[in-house]
Amino acid sequence: MAVDGGALDPSNPVVRLLAAGMAAEAEARRDDAKVLFEQAWDASRDDFEACMAAHYLARCQPDVGSELHWNEEALRRADAAADERVRGFYASLHLNVGHSLEQLGRTADACRHYALGTARLADVPAGPYANLVRMGLEAGSDRTRGA
């Protein structure tokens, strides 16, 4: 999920906080990024914004259990948003939930999420990001096949 392009409003306060958090990550300022992502979560006004904030909060958690919590929260918020704007997020959200589950040894659950993500790949706009998500889902599926 990328907040730096597409249909997202760059003047939205949550989008601006998330973009600033990604910039902090790129500069290896992980603690600053986490604070900005937490501020985005606190500033979220609806499930769409909360979905995005939870997605980025998952990236800066200290352990896989906490990462899974935020990845699942992002997925729940996408479902609750029931909004066309989240449609392109699902492949990535399922990839992230699947990866967290896989790291926790829950390979059958991970495999299911990789399959759900793969089924949503057509909703991701074509380009490098879609290719990255596709490769992640394929690799996860390969690792968990037969689970």
Protein backbone atom coordinates (compact mmCIF):
# COMPACT_ATOMS: atom_id res chain seq x y z
CA MET A 1 0.00 0.00 0.00
CA ALA A 2 1.51 3.28 -1.05
CA VAL A 3 0.38 6.65 0.25
CA ASP A 4 2.48 8.71 -2.12
CA GLY A 5 0.40 8.45 -5.26
CA GLY A 6 -2.77 7.25 -6.86
CA ALA A 7 -6.15 8.38 -5.59
CA LEU A 8 -4.95 9.47 -2.15
CA ASP A 9 -5.35 13.11 -1.24
CA PRO A 10 -1.90 14.53 -0.38
CA SER A 11 -3.54 17.27 1.70
CA ASN A 12 -5.22 14.71 3.97
CA PRO A 13 -3.60 15.04 7.44
CA VAL A 14 -3.34 11.27 7.88
CA VAL A 15 -1.73 10.82 4.46
CA ARG A 16 0.71 13.62 5.28
CA LEU A 17 1.68 11.99 8.60
CA LEU A 18 2.16 8.62 6.90
CA ALA A 19 4.30 10.16 4.17
CA ALA A 20 6.42 11.90 6.82
CA GLY A 21 6.74 8.57 8.65
CA MET A 22 7.92 6.83 5.48
CA ALA A 23 10.47 9.60 4.95
CA ALA A 24 11.69 9.08 8.52
CA GLU A 25 11.99 5.34 7.84
CA ALA A 26 14.00 6.05 4.70
CA GLU A 27 16.37 8.16 6.80
CA ALA A 28 16.70 5.32 9.36
CA ARG A 29 14.80 7.35 11.99
CA ARG A 30 12.67 4.40 13.06
CA ASP A 31 11.52 5.91 16.38
CA ASP A 32 10.41 9.10 14.65
CA ALA A 33 8.56 7.03 12.04
CA LYS A 34 6.70 5.13 14.74
CA VAL A 35 5.63 8.36 16.43
CA LEU A 36 4.35 9.73 13.11
CA PHE A 37 2.47 6.51 12.35
CA GLU A 38 0.92 6.60 15.86
CA GLN A 39 -0.12 10.20 15.25
CA ALA A 40 -1.72 9.11 11.97
CA TRP A 41 -3.63 6.39 13.83
CA ASP A 42 -4.82 8.93 16.43
CA ALA A 43 -5.83 11.39 13.69
CA SER A 44 -7.79 8.81 11.69
CA ARG A 45 -11.36 9.90 11.14
CA ASP A 46 -12.73 6.81 9.43
CA ASP A 47 -11.96 3.17 8.68
CA PHE A 48 -10.18 4.01 5.42
CA GLU A 49 -7.68 6.26 7.21
CA ALA A 50 -7.37 3.80 10.11
CA CYS A 51 -6.63 1.00 7.63
CA MET A 52 -3.71 2.94 6.21
CA ALA A 53 -2.38 3.96 9.62
CA ALA A 54 -2.61 0.40 11.00
CA HIS A 55 -0.74 -0.90 7.95
CA TYR A 56 2.18 1.40 8.67
CA LEU A 57 2.06 0.84 12.43
CA ALA A 58 2.54 -2.88 11.79
CA ARG A 59 5.89 -2.12 10.17
CA CYS A 60 7.45 -0.71 13.32
CA GLN A 61 6.38 -3.20 15.98
CA PRO A 62 8.94 -4.79 18.32
CA ASP A 63 7.68 -8.35 17.87
CA VAL A 64 5.77 -10.50 15.39
CA GLY A 65 2.72 -10.84 17.63
CA SER A 66 2.27 -7.07 17.72
CA GLU A 67 2.95 -6.88 14.00
CA LEU A 68 0.20 -9.44 13.39
CA HIS A 69 -2.21 -7.45 15.57
CA TRP A 70 -1.73 -4.31 13.47
CA ASN A 71 -1.79 -6.21 10.16
CA GLU A 72 -5.08 -7.82 11.17
CA GLU A 73 -6.38 -4.43 12.33
CA ALA A 74 -5.55 -2.97 8.91
CA LEU A 75 -7.47 -5.81 7.25
CA ARG A 76 -10.45 -5.37 9.61
CA ARG A 77 -10.52 -1.64 8.90
CA ALA A 78 -10.40 -2.25 5.15
CA ASP A 79 -13.39 -4.58 5.49
CA ALA A 80 -15.22 -2.04 7.67
CA ALA A 81 -14.52 0.77 5.22
CA ALA A 82 -16.43 -1.11 2.51
CA ASP A 83 -15.01 1.58 0.26
CA GLU A 84 -13.76 1.35 -3.30
CA ARG A 85 -10.60 3.17 -2.16
CA VAL A 86 -9.40 0.08 -0.22
CA ARG A 87 -9.93 -2.33 -3.09
CA GLY A 88 -6.32 -2.12 -4.25
CA PHE A 89 -5.02 -2.62 -0.69
CA TYR A 90 -6.27 -6.18 -0.14
CA ALA A 91 -3.49 -8.09 -1.89
CA SER A 92 -0.88 -6.28 0.22
CA LEU A 93 -2.91 -6.58 3.43
CA HIS A 94 -3.28 -10.34 2.98
CA LEU A 95 0.42 -10.62 2.13
CA ASN A 96 1.33 -8.88 5.38
CA VAL A 97 -1.07 -10.92 7.53
CA GLY A 98 0.19 -14.08 5.85
CA HIS A 99 3.82 -13.17 6.48
CA SER A 100 3.17 -12.47 10.16
CA LEU A 101 1.29 -15.76 10.54
CA GLU A 102 4.07 -17.62 8.77
CA GLN A 103 6.67 -16.14 11.11
CA LEU A 104 4.57 -17.35 14.05
CA GLY A 105 4.55 -20.89 12.62
CA ARG A 106 0.89 -20.76 11.60
CA THR A 107 1.63 -21.92 8.07
CA ALA A 108 -1.87 -23.15 7.15
CA ASP A 109 -3.36 -19.78 8.11
CA ALA A 110 -0.55 -18.01 6.28
CA CYS A 111 -1.15 -20.09 3.16
CA ARG A 112 -4.84 -19.11 3.23
CA HIS A 113 -3.96 -15.41 3.39
CA TYR A 114 -1.44 -15.74 0.58
CA ALA A 115 -4.19 -17.34 -1.53
CA LEU A 116 -6.65 -14.57 -0.61
CA GLY A 117 -4.05 -11.97 -1.56
CA THR A 118 -3.31 -13.67 -4.85
CA ALA A 119 -7.01 -13.60 -5.67
CA ARG A 120 -6.97 -9.81 -5.23
CA LEU A 121 -3.88 -9.06 -7.35
CA ALA A 122 -5.99 -7.85 -10.27
CA ASP A 123 -7.19 -4.99 -8.04
CA VAL A 124 -3.64 -3.59 -7.63
CA PRO A 125 -2.75 -1.04 -10.32
CA ALA A 126 -0.11 -2.40 -12.69
CA GLY A 127 3.44 -1.32 -12.03
CA PRO A 128 6.45 -1.97 -9.80
CA TYR A 129 4.38 -2.05 -6.60
CA ALA A 130 2.02 -4.67 -8.04
CA ASN A 131 5.04 -6.71 -9.14
CA LEU A 132 6.52 -6.53 -5.63
CA VAL A 133 3.26 -7.67 -4.02
CA ARG A 134 2.88 -10.47 -6.60
CA MET A 135 6.43 -11.72 -5.93
CA GLY A 136 5.81 -11.66 -2.17
CA LEU A 137 2.58 -13.61 -2.50
CA GLU A 138 4.19 -16.16 -4.83
CA ALA A 139 7.14 -16.66 -2.47
CA GLY A 140 4.84 -17.00 0.54
CA SER A 141 2.63 -19.46 -1.29
CA ASP A 142 5.65 -21.51 -2.30
CA ARG A 143 6.93 -21.61 1.29
CA THR A 144 3.57 -22.64 2.77
CA ARG A 145 2.24 -24.90 0.01
CA GLY A 146 0.96 -28.16 1.47
CA ALA A 147 0.51 -26.72 4.95
